Amino acid sequence: MRFAVKGNRRVNALFCGHLAVEKMFKALCAAKNIRIVKEHRLHVLAEMAGIYHDITDSEQDDLIIISRFNIAARYADYKQRFYETCTKEFTDEWTKKITSWYKNLKHITLQERATLVNNENDTQMLIK
C-alpha cells in the first residue's frame, strides 16, 4: 500500500490496504480457531471474528467503506469513477485509517495467539 501511494497509484494503494485489513481479520479468525470462509467484506469478517459489536458505529462505517476499495480495483467503469474520487487528501485519510486498523488487528491477533498458546501450555501441564 505504501509503495503504491509513493508511486501515486492511489486506487491500487487503497485496494492493497483493503487486502491487508482483510488478511488481518482472517488471521484473527485463525487465531481464534474460527473457520475462515471466502469473504471479503470487512464488516462480515469483523462479525465472524467476534469484534463487530465491540467497535463504534463510526468504525463499523469505516469497514464498509474500506470494503468498497476491493470492488473499485476490479471493475473498469467503477474504477474510473473511483479514480476521480481518490484525491491525494482522500487517499491519505484512508491509508491512515487502514494503517490503524491493520496495527490494531495485528495487536489483537497476537494477544489472541498468546492466550491460545498459554492455554495449550496450561492444558499440557495438567495432562502431565
N, C-alpha and C. Protein backbone atom coordinates (compact mmCIF):
# COMPACT_ATOMS: atom_id res chain seq x y z
N MET A 1 0.82 -1.18 0.00
CA MET A 1 0.00 0.00 0.00
C MET A 1 0.88 1.25 0.00
N ARG A 2 1.89 1.25 0.86
CA ARG A 2 2.75 2.44 0.95
C ARG A 2 3.49 2.70 -0.35
N PHE A 3 3.96 1.62 -1.01
CA PHE A 3 4.67 1.80 -2.27
C PHE A 3 3.74 2.34 -3.35
N ALA A 4 2.50 1.88 -3.36
CA ALA A 4 1.53 2.39 -4.34
C ALA A 4 1.24 3.85 -4.09
N VAL A 5 1.15 4.26 -2.83
CA VAL A 5 0.93 5.67 -2.51
C VAL A 5 2.11 6.50 -3.00
N LYS A 6 3.32 6.02 -2.71
CA LYS A 6 4.52 6.75 -3.15
C LYS A 6 4.58 6.86 -4.67
N GLY A 7 4.08 5.85 -5.35
CA GLY A 7 4.08 5.85 -6.81
C GLY A 7 2.86 6.55 -7.40
N ASN A 8 2.06 7.20 -6.53
CA ASN A 8 0.87 7.94 -6.95
C ASN A 8 -0.18 7.04 -7.60
N ARG A 9 -0.20 5.77 -7.21
CA ARG A 9 -1.21 4.82 -7.69
C ARG A 9 -2.23 4.65 -6.57
N ARG A 10 -3.05 5.66 -6.41
CA ARG A 10 -3.93 5.75 -5.24
C ARG A 10 -5.01 4.67 -5.20
N VAL A 11 -5.61 4.36 -6.33
CA VAL A 11 -6.64 3.31 -6.35
C VAL A 11 -6.03 1.99 -5.93
N ASN A 12 -4.87 1.67 -6.48
CA ASN A 12 -4.19 0.43 -6.11
C ASN A 12 -3.77 0.43 -4.65
N ALA A 13 -3.39 1.58 -4.15
CA ALA A 13 -2.99 1.68 -2.74
C ALA A 13 -4.16 1.31 -1.83
N LEU A 14 -5.32 1.86 -2.14
CA LEU A 14 -6.48 1.57 -1.30
C LEU A 14 -6.93 0.12 -1.45
N PHE A 15 -6.81 -0.42 -2.65
CA PHE A 15 -7.11 -1.84 -2.87
C PHE A 15 -6.19 -2.71 -2.03
N CYS A 16 -4.90 -2.43 -2.06
CA CYS A 16 -3.93 -3.19 -1.27
C CYS A 16 -4.19 -3.02 0.23
N GLY A 17 -4.59 -1.82 0.62
CA GLY A 17 -4.94 -1.58 2.02
C GLY A 17 -6.10 -2.45 2.45
N HIS A 18 -7.11 -2.53 1.59
CA HIS A 18 -8.25 -3.41 1.90
C HIS A 18 -7.77 -4.85 2.09
N LEU A 19 -6.93 -5.31 1.18
CA LEU A 19 -6.42 -6.68 1.28
C LEU A 19 -5.67 -6.92 2.59
N ALA A 20 -4.89 -5.94 3.00
CA ALA A 20 -4.12 -6.09 4.24
C ALA A 20 -5.04 -6.22 5.44
N VAL A 21 -6.07 -5.39 5.50
CA VAL A 21 -7.01 -5.47 6.63
C VAL A 21 -7.80 -6.78 6.56
N GLU A 22 -8.19 -7.17 5.36
CA GLU A 22 -8.90 -8.44 5.20
C GLU A 22 -8.06 -9.60 5.73
N LYS A 23 -6.80 -9.62 5.37
CA LYS A 23 -5.92 -10.71 5.81
C LYS A 23 -5.73 -10.70 7.32
N MET A 24 -5.71 -9.52 7.93
CA MET A 24 -5.57 -9.46 9.38
C MET A 24 -6.83 -9.97 10.07
N PHE A 25 -8.00 -9.67 9.51
CA PHE A 25 -9.23 -10.23 10.07
C PHE A 25 -9.21 -11.75 9.97
N LYS A 26 -8.74 -12.26 8.84
CA LYS A 26 -8.68 -13.71 8.66
C LYS A 26 -7.64 -14.33 9.60
N ALA A 27 -6.55 -13.63 9.85
CA ALA A 27 -5.55 -14.10 10.81
C ALA A 27 -6.16 -14.15 12.22
N LEU A 28 -6.95 -13.15 12.56
CA LEU A 28 -7.61 -13.14 13.86
C LEU A 28 -8.58 -14.31 13.97
N CYS A 29 -9.33 -14.56 12.92
CA CYS A 29 -10.23 -15.73 12.92
C CYS A 29 -9.43 -17.01 13.10
N ALA A 30 -8.32 -17.14 12.41
CA ALA A 30 -7.48 -18.33 12.53
C ALA A 30 -6.95 -18.47 13.96
N ALA A 31 -6.54 -17.37 14.56
CA ALA A 31 -6.02 -17.41 15.93
C ALA A 31 -7.11 -17.85 16.91
N LYS A 32 -8.36 -17.55 16.58
CA LYS A 32 -9.48 -17.94 17.44
C LYS A 32 -10.07 -19.30 17.04
N ASN A 33 -9.41 -19.96 16.10
CA ASN A 33 -9.89 -21.26 15.59
C ASN A 33 -11.29 -21.15 14.98
N ILE A 34 -11.53 -20.06 14.30
CA ILE A 34 -12.79 -19.85 13.60
C ILE A 34 -12.56 -20.20 12.14
N ARG A 35 -13.44 -21.02 11.60
CA ARG A 35 -13.32 -21.44 10.20
C ARG A 35 -13.39 -20.22 9.29
N ILE A 36 -12.41 -20.09 8.42
CA ILE A 36 -12.32 -18.95 7.51
C ILE A 36 -13.08 -19.29 6.23
N VAL A 37 -13.95 -18.39 5.84
CA VAL A 37 -14.74 -18.58 4.62
C VAL A 37 -14.26 -17.61 3.55
N LYS A 38 -14.70 -17.85 2.34
CA LYS A 38 -14.35 -16.97 1.24
C LYS A 38 -15.21 -15.71 1.36
N GLU A 39 -14.69 -14.73 2.04
CA GLU A 39 -15.42 -13.49 2.32
C GLU A 39 -14.45 -12.33 2.22
N HIS A 40 -14.93 -11.22 1.67
CA HIS A 40 -14.07 -10.05 1.51
C HIS A 40 -14.62 -8.82 2.20
N ARG A 41 -15.88 -8.87 2.60
CA ARG A 41 -16.48 -7.71 3.26
C ARG A 41 -15.98 -7.66 4.71
N LEU A 42 -15.34 -6.54 5.02
CA LEU A 42 -14.67 -6.44 6.32
C LEU A 42 -15.64 -6.46 7.49
N HIS A 43 -16.81 -5.86 7.35
CA HIS A 43 -17.75 -5.86 8.46
C HIS A 43 -18.26 -7.28 8.74
N VAL A 44 -18.36 -8.11 7.72
CA VAL A 44 -18.75 -9.51 7.92
C VAL A 44 -17.61 -10.27 8.62
N LEU A 45 -16.38 -10.01 8.20
CA LEU A 45 -15.23 -10.64 8.86
C LEU A 45 -15.11 -10.20 10.31
N ALA A 46 -15.40 -8.93 10.58
CA ALA A 46 -15.37 -8.44 11.96
C ALA A 46 -16.41 -9.17 12.80
N GLU A 47 -17.58 -9.42 12.22
CA GLU A 47 -18.63 -10.17 12.91
C GLU A 47 -18.15 -11.59 13.19
N MET A 48 -17.56 -12.23 12.19
CA MET A 48 -17.06 -13.60 12.36
C MET A 48 -15.99 -13.66 13.45
N ALA A 49 -15.15 -12.64 13.50
CA ALA A 49 -14.05 -12.60 14.47
C ALA A 49 -14.54 -12.23 15.87
N GLY A 50 -15.80 -11.82 15.96
CA GLY A 50 -16.38 -11.52 17.27
C GLY A 50 -16.07 -10.13 17.79
N ILE A 51 -15.69 -9.21 16.92
CA ILE A 51 -15.37 -7.87 17.41
C ILE A 51 -16.30 -6.78 16.86
N TYR A 52 -17.20 -7.14 15.97
CA TYR A 52 -18.05 -6.13 15.31
C TYR A 52 -18.87 -5.32 16.31
N HIS A 53 -19.41 -5.96 17.31
CA HIS A 53 -20.26 -5.26 18.28
C HIS A 53 -19.44 -4.53 19.33
N ASP A 54 -18.13 -4.73 19.31
CA ASP A 54 -17.26 -4.04 20.26
C ASP A 54 -16.68 -2.74 19.69
N ILE A 55 -16.93 -2.48 18.43
CA ILE A 55 -16.38 -1.27 17.80
C ILE A 55 -17.49 -0.23 17.64
N THR A 56 -17.09 1.01 17.46
CA THR A 56 -18.04 2.10 17.36
C THR A 56 -18.79 2.07 16.02
N ASP A 57 -19.88 2.80 15.96
CA ASP A 57 -20.63 2.93 14.70
C ASP A 57 -19.74 3.51 13.61
N SER A 58 -18.92 4.47 13.97
CA SER A 58 -18.01 5.09 13.00
C SER A 58 -17.02 4.07 12.46
N GLU A 59 -16.49 3.23 13.33
CA GLU A 59 -15.56 2.19 12.90
C GLU A 59 -16.26 1.15 12.02
N GLN A 60 -17.51 0.84 12.35
CA GLN A 60 -18.28 -0.08 11.52
C GLN A 60 -18.46 0.52 10.12
N ASP A 61 -18.75 1.82 10.07
CA ASP A 61 -18.89 2.51 8.78
C ASP A 61 -17.57 2.49 8.01
N ASP A 62 -16.46 2.68 8.72
CA ASP A 62 -15.14 2.63 8.07
C ASP A 62 -14.92 1.29 7.39
N LEU A 63 -15.30 0.21 8.05
CA LEU A 63 -15.10 -1.12 7.46
C LEU A 63 -15.91 -1.28 6.18
N ILE A 64 -17.11 -0.74 6.17
CA ILE A 64 -17.95 -0.82 4.97
C ILE A 64 -17.31 -0.02 3.84
N ILE A 65 -16.79 1.16 4.16
CA ILE A 65 -16.16 1.99 3.13
C ILE A 65 -14.88 1.33 2.61
N ILE A 66 -14.05 0.84 3.51
CA ILE A 66 -12.80 0.19 3.09
C ILE A 66 -13.11 -1.04 2.23
N SER A 67 -14.20 -1.74 2.52
CA SER A 67 -14.59 -2.89 1.70
C SER A 67 -14.87 -2.48 0.26
N ARG A 68 -15.35 -1.29 0.06
CA ARG A 68 -15.63 -0.80 -1.30
C ARG A 68 -14.36 -0.63 -2.12
N PHE A 69 -13.23 -0.49 -1.46
CA PHE A 69 -11.97 -0.34 -2.19
C PHE A 69 -11.61 -1.64 -2.91
N ASN A 70 -12.10 -2.75 -2.45
CA ASN A 70 -11.88 -4.03 -3.11
C ASN A 70 -12.57 -4.05 -4.47
N ILE A 71 -13.80 -3.65 -4.51
CA ILE A 71 -14.56 -3.62 -5.76
C ILE A 71 -13.96 -2.61 -6.72
N ALA A 72 -13.56 -1.49 -6.18
CA ALA A 72 -13.06 -0.39 -7.01
C ALA A 72 -11.87 -0.79 -7.87
N ALA A 73 -11.07 -1.68 -7.38
CA ALA A 73 -9.85 -2.04 -8.11
C ALA A 73 -10.09 -3.12 -9.16
N ARG A 74 -11.30 -3.67 -9.22
CA ARG A 74 -11.54 -4.80 -10.12
C ARG A 74 -12.38 -4.47 -11.34
N TYR A 75 -13.28 -3.53 -11.25
CA TYR A 75 -14.22 -3.27 -12.33
C TYR A 75 -13.91 -1.94 -13.00
N ALA A 76 -13.67 -1.97 -14.30
CA ALA A 76 -13.14 -0.83 -15.04
C ALA A 76 -14.00 0.43 -14.91
N ASP A 77 -15.32 0.33 -15.10
CA ASP A 77 -16.16 1.52 -15.05
C ASP A 77 -16.21 2.11 -13.65
N TYR A 78 -16.34 1.26 -12.64
CA TYR A 78 -16.34 1.72 -11.26
C TYR A 78 -14.96 2.27 -10.90
N LYS A 79 -13.94 1.61 -11.40
CA LYS A 79 -12.56 2.03 -11.12
C LYS A 79 -12.32 3.45 -11.62
N GLN A 80 -12.84 3.77 -12.81
CA GLN A 80 -12.66 5.11 -13.36
C GLN A 80 -13.34 6.15 -12.48
N ARG A 81 -14.57 5.89 -12.05
CA ARG A 81 -15.26 6.83 -11.16
C ARG A 81 -14.54 6.93 -9.83
N PHE A 82 -14.08 5.80 -9.33
CA PHE A 82 -13.37 5.79 -8.06
C PHE A 82 -12.04 6.53 -8.18
N TYR A 83 -11.38 6.36 -9.30
CA TYR A 83 -10.12 7.05 -9.55
C TYR A 83 -10.28 8.56 -9.37
N GLU A 84 -11.39 9.08 -9.85
CA GLU A 84 -11.66 10.51 -9.73
C GLU A 84 -11.90 10.92 -8.27
N THR A 85 -12.38 10.00 -7.46
CA THR A 85 -12.61 10.25 -6.04
C THR A 85 -11.31 10.23 -5.24
N CYS A 86 -10.35 9.47 -5.71
CA CYS A 86 -9.11 9.24 -4.96
C CYS A 86 -8.13 10.40 -5.10
N THR A 87 -8.51 11.50 -4.53
CA THR A 87 -7.58 12.62 -4.48
C THR A 87 -6.47 12.27 -3.49
N LYS A 88 -5.44 13.05 -3.48
CA LYS A 88 -4.35 12.83 -2.53
C LYS A 88 -4.88 12.89 -1.10
N GLU A 89 -5.73 13.87 -0.82
CA GLU A 89 -6.28 14.03 0.53
C GLU A 89 -7.12 12.83 0.94
N PHE A 90 -8.00 12.38 0.03
CA PHE A 90 -8.85 11.22 0.29
C PHE A 90 -7.99 9.99 0.57
N THR A 91 -7.01 9.76 -0.28
CA THR A 91 -6.15 8.59 -0.14
C THR A 91 -5.34 8.66 1.15
N ASP A 92 -4.81 9.84 1.46
CA ASP A 92 -4.04 9.99 2.71
C ASP A 92 -4.91 9.69 3.92
N GLU A 93 -6.14 10.20 3.92
CA GLU A 93 -7.05 9.96 5.04
C GLU A 93 -7.32 8.47 5.23
N TRP A 94 -7.61 7.79 4.12
CA TRP A 94 -7.97 6.38 4.23
C TRP A 94 -6.76 5.47 4.44
N THR A 95 -5.60 5.83 3.94
CA THR A 95 -4.43 5.00 4.23
C THR A 95 -4.07 5.10 5.72
N LYS A 96 -4.30 6.25 6.32
CA LYS A 96 -4.07 6.38 7.77
C LYS A 96 -5.04 5.49 8.54
N LYS A 97 -6.31 5.50 8.14
CA LYS A 97 -7.29 4.65 8.81
C LYS A 97 -6.97 3.17 8.60
N ILE A 98 -6.60 2.81 7.39
CA ILE A 98 -6.26 1.42 7.10
C ILE A 98 -5.05 0.99 7.92
N THR A 99 -4.04 1.83 8.00
CA THR A 99 -2.85 1.52 8.79
C THR A 99 -3.21 1.31 10.25
N SER A 100 -4.09 2.14 10.76
CA SER A 100 -4.53 2.00 12.14
C SER A 100 -5.29 0.69 12.35
N TRP A 101 -6.19 0.36 11.44
CA TRP A 101 -6.91 -0.91 11.52
C TRP A 101 -5.92 -2.08 11.49
N TYR A 102 -4.98 -2.02 10.58
CA TYR A 102 -4.01 -3.11 10.44
C TYR A 102 -3.23 -3.31 11.74
N LYS A 103 -2.71 -2.23 12.29
CA LYS A 103 -1.91 -2.32 13.51
C LYS A 103 -2.75 -2.84 14.68
N ASN A 104 -3.97 -2.34 14.81
CA ASN A 104 -4.83 -2.78 15.91
C ASN A 104 -5.21 -4.25 15.77
N LEU A 105 -5.55 -4.66 14.57
CA LEU A 105 -5.89 -6.07 14.35
C LEU A 105 -4.69 -6.99 14.57
N LYS A 106 -3.53 -6.53 14.19
CA LYS A 106 -2.31 -7.32 14.43
C LYS A 106 -2.10 -7.49 15.93
N HIS A 107 -2.27 -6.43 16.67
CA HIS A 107 -2.11 -6.47 18.12
C HIS A 107 -3.12 -7.44 18.75
N ILE A 108 -4.38 -7.33 18.35
CA ILE A 108 -5.42 -8.22 18.88
C ILE A 108 -5.12 -9.67 18.52
N THR A 109 -4.69 -9.90 17.29
CA THR A 109 -4.38 -11.25 16.84
C THR A 109 -3.22 -11.85 17.64
N LEU A 110 -2.19 -11.05 17.86
CA LEU A 110 -1.05 -11.54 18.64
C LEU A 110 -1.46 -11.84 20.08
N GLN A 111 -2.32 -11.01 20.65
CA GLN A 111 -2.82 -11.27 22.01
C GLN A 111 -3.62 -12.57 22.04
N GLU A 112 -4.48 -12.73 21.04
CA GLU A 112 -5.31 -13.95 20.96
C GLU A 112 -4.42 -15.19 20.82
N ARG A 113 -3.41 -15.08 19.99
CA ARG A 113 -2.48 -16.20 19.79
C ARG A 113 -1.73 -16.52 21.07
N ALA A 114 -1.28 -15.48 21.79
CA ALA A 114 -0.58 -15.70 23.05
C ALA A 114 -1.49 -16.37 24.07
N THR A 115 -2.73 -15.97 24.11
CA THR A 115 -3.70 -16.59 25.01
C THR A 115 -3.89 -18.05 24.66
N LEU A 116 -3.99 -18.35 23.37
CA LEU A 116 -4.16 -19.72 22.91
C LEU A 116 -2.95 -20.58 23.30
N VAL A 117 -1.76 -20.05 23.09
CA VAL A 117 -0.53 -20.78 23.44
C VAL A 117 -0.47 -21.01 24.94
N ASN A 118 -0.80 -19.99 25.74
CA ASN A 118 -0.79 -20.15 27.20
C ASN A 118 -1.80 -21.19 27.64
N ASN A 119 -2.97 -21.20 27.03
CA ASN A 119 -3.98 -22.20 27.37
C ASN A 119 -3.53 -23.60 27.00
N GLU A 120 -2.86 -23.73 25.85
CA GLU A 120 -2.33 -25.04 25.45
C GLU A 120 -1.26 -25.50 26.43
N ASN A 121 -0.39 -24.58 26.85
CA ASN A 121 0.64 -24.93 27.83
C ASN A 121 0.02 -25.34 29.16
N ASP A 122 -1.02 -24.62 29.60
CA ASP A 122 -1.70 -24.97 30.86
C ASP A 122 -2.33 -26.35 30.74
N THR A 123 -2.94 -26.65 29.59
CA THR A 123 -3.56 -27.95 29.39
C THR A 123 -2.51 -29.06 29.41
N GLN A 124 -1.37 -28.82 28.75
CA GLN A 124 -0.31 -29.82 28.74
C GLN A 124 0.23 -30.06 30.13
N MET A 125 0.33 -29.01 30.95
CA MET A 125 0.81 -29.16 32.31
C MET A 125 -0.17 -29.99 33.14
N LEU A 126 -1.47 -29.82 32.90
CA LEU A 126 -2.47 -30.60 33.62
C LEU A 126 -2.42 -32.06 33.25
N ILE A 127 -2.11 -32.33 31.97
CA ILE A 127 -2.05 -33.72 31.49
C ILE A 127 -0.86 -34.43 32.11
N LYS A 128 0.26 -33.73 32.26
CA LYS A 128 1.46 -34.33 32.82
C LYS A 128 1.20 -34.62 34.26
